[in-house]
Amino acid sequence: MDNDELAAAQAYVRLLEATRAALADPDDAPVYLPLLTSPMREADHALRSAGLTGNEDRLFALVRALQPSLSGSDRQAGR
């Protein structure tokens, strides 16, 4: 994983975490959704810089390498 790919995977993880936080309480979601603009912009830029735009398979492989817990294997195993 090169530096651009690492930055893209990290930006995606930050966007995912911010989205989960914004949507954690459906009643408050409309208030927090505008706060996702910055992490979306960051992830978009990082994906383009790494040449990963439209290459979700590669991006998700990088994210799994960075944070295996995001693969869902714990949920699938019933943990």
C-alpha atoms as a PDB file:
ATOM      1  CA  MET A   1       0.000   0.000   0.000  1.00  0.00           C
ATOM      2  CA  ASP A   2       1.567   3.282  -1.076  1.00  0.00           C
ATOM      3  CA  ASN A   3       1.072   6.642   0.669  1.00  0.00           C
ATOM      4  CA  ASP A   4      -1.811   7.759  -1.580  1.00  0.00           C
ATOM      5  CA  GLU A   5      -3.621   4.459  -1.094  1.00  0.00           C
ATOM      6  CA  LEU A   6      -3.092   4.652   2.659  1.00  0.00           C
ATOM      7  CA  ALA A   7      -4.469   8.208   2.717  1.00  0.00           C
ATOM      8  CA  ALA A   8      -7.505   7.100   0.694  1.00  0.00           C
ATOM      9  CA  ALA A   9      -8.230   4.141   2.977  1.00  0.00           C
ATOM     10  CA  GLN A  10      -7.860   6.325   6.063  1.00  0.00           C
ATOM     11  CA  ALA A  11     -10.125   9.012   4.592  1.00  0.00           C
ATOM     12  CA  TYR A  12     -12.768   6.376   3.812  1.00  0.00           C
ATOM     13  CA  VAL A  13     -12.600   5.043   7.368  1.00  0.00           C
ATOM     14  CA  ARG A  14     -12.976   8.576   8.772  1.00  0.00           C
ATOM     15  CA  LEU A  15     -15.969   9.169   6.495  1.00  0.00           C
ATOM     16  CA  LEU A  16     -17.530   5.875   7.582  1.00  0.00           C
ATOM     17  CA  GLU A  17     -17.047   6.702  11.261  1.00  0.00           C
ATOM     18  CA  ALA A  18     -18.430  10.235  10.823  1.00  0.00           C
ATOM     19  CA  THR A  19     -21.449   8.862   8.969  1.00  0.00           C
ATOM     20  CA  ARG A  20     -22.143   6.303  11.668  1.00  0.00           C
ATOM     21  CA  ALA A  21     -21.926   9.026  14.322  1.00  0.00           C
ATOM     22  CA  ALA A  22     -24.201  11.366  12.353  1.00  0.00           C
ATOM     23  CA  LEU A  23     -26.822   8.657  11.890  1.00  0.00           C
ATOM     24  CA  ALA A  24     -26.592   7.139  15.377  1.00  0.00           C
ATOM     25  CA  ASP A  25     -29.722   8.964  16.524  1.00  0.00           C
ATOM     26  CA  PRO A  26     -32.270   9.240  13.711  1.00  0.00           C
ATOM     27  CA  ASP A  27     -33.938  12.190  15.419  1.00  0.00           C
ATOM     28  CA  ASP A  28     -30.705  14.210  15.377  1.00  0.00           C
ATOM     29  CA  ALA A  29     -29.464  13.038  11.966  1.00  0.00           C
ATOM     30  CA  PRO A  30     -30.787  16.062  10.019  1.00  0.00           C
ATOM     31  CA  VAL A  31     -28.749  18.337  12.277  1.00  0.00           C
ATOM     32  CA  TYR A  32     -25.507  16.397  11.807  1.00  0.00           C
ATOM     33  CA  LEU A  33     -25.693  15.376   8.143  1.00  0.00           C
ATOM     34  CA  PRO A  34     -24.240  18.713   6.908  1.00  0.00           C
ATOM     35  CA  LEU A  35     -21.132  17.951   8.969  1.00  0.00           C
ATOM     36  CA  LEU A  36     -20.342  15.100   6.563  1.00  0.00           C
ATOM     37  CA  THR A  37     -19.443  17.554   3.785  1.00  0.00           C
ATOM     38  CA  SER A  38     -15.823  17.876   4.855  1.00  0.00           C
ATOM     39  CA  PRO A  39     -15.099  14.143   5.306  1.00  0.00           C
ATOM     40  CA  MET A  40     -16.847  13.423   1.973  1.00  0.00           C
ATOM     41  CA  ARG A  41     -14.701  16.028   0.224  1.00  0.00           C
ATOM     42  CA  GLU A  42     -11.553  14.619   1.849  1.00  0.00           C
ATOM     43  CA  ALA A  43     -12.405  11.042   0.846  1.00  0.00           C
ATOM     44  CA  ASP A  44     -13.281  12.102  -2.706  1.00  0.00           C
ATOM     45  CA  HIS A  45      -9.969  13.906  -3.119  1.00  0.00           C
ATOM     46  CA  ALA A  46      -7.984  11.034  -1.593  1.00  0.00           C
ATOM     47  CA  LEU A  47      -9.690   8.453  -3.838  1.00  0.00           C
ATOM     48  CA  ARG A  48      -8.927  10.511  -6.949  1.00  0.00           C
ATOM     49  CA  SER A  49      -5.304  11.069  -5.882  1.00  0.00           C
ATOM     50  CA  ALA A  50      -4.805   7.346  -5.348  1.00  0.00           C
ATOM     51  CA  GLY A  51      -6.517   6.428  -8.627  1.00  0.00           C
ATOM     52  CA  LEU A  52      -9.189   4.500  -6.740  1.00  0.00           C
ATOM     53  CA  THR A  53     -12.268   6.307  -8.015  1.00  0.00           C
ATOM     54  CA  GLY A  54     -14.532   3.578  -9.373  1.00  0.00           C
ATOM     55  CA  ASN A  55     -12.284   0.812  -8.042  1.00  0.00           C
ATOM     56  CA  GLU A  56     -14.235  -0.198  -4.972  1.00  0.00           C
ATOM     57  CA  ASP A  57     -12.751  -3.699  -4.829  1.00  0.00           C
ATOM     58  CA  ARG A  58      -9.241  -2.288  -4.417  1.00  0.00           C
ATOM     59  CA  LEU A  59     -10.392   0.383  -1.938  1.00  0.00           C
ATOM     60  CA  PHE A  60     -12.190  -2.159   0.246  1.00  0.00           C
ATOM     61  CA  ALA A  61      -9.175  -4.470   0.150  1.00  0.00           C
ATOM     62  CA  LEU A  62      -7.022  -1.572   1.376  1.00  0.00           C
ATOM     63  CA  VAL A  63      -9.528  -0.709   4.096  1.00  0.00           C
ATOM     64  CA  ARG A  64      -9.616  -4.353   5.252  1.00  0.00           C
ATOM     65  CA  ALA A  65      -5.812  -4.376   5.380  1.00  0.00           C
ATOM     66  CA  LEU A  66      -5.871  -1.160   7.404  1.00  0.00           C
ATOM     67  CA  GLN A  67      -8.735  -2.144   9.725  1.00  0.00           C
ATOM     68  CA  PRO A  68      -9.696  -5.806   9.542  1.00  0.00           C
ATOM     69  CA  SER A  69     -12.539  -5.163  12.011  1.00  0.00           C
ATOM     70  CA  LEU A  70     -14.420  -3.340   9.229  1.00  0.00           C
ATOM     71  CA  SER A  71     -14.660  -6.509   7.150  1.00  0.00           C
ATOM     72  CA  GLY A  72     -17.715  -7.690   9.044  1.00  0.00           C
ATOM     73  CA  SER A  73     -16.110 -11.024   9.893  1.00  0.00           C
ATOM     74  CA  ASP A  74     -16.808 -10.484  13.598  1.00  0.00           C
ATOM     75  CA  ARG A  75     -20.508  -9.948  12.912  1.00  0.00           C
ATOM     76  CA  GLN A  76     -20.671 -12.937  10.577  1.00  0.00           C
ATOM     77  CA  ALA A  77     -19.050 -15.174  13.139  1.00  0.00           C
ATOM     78  CA  GLY A  78     -21.657 -14.136  15.715  1.00  0.00           C
ATOM     79  CA  ARG A  79     -19.191 -12.295  17.928  1.00  0.00           C
END
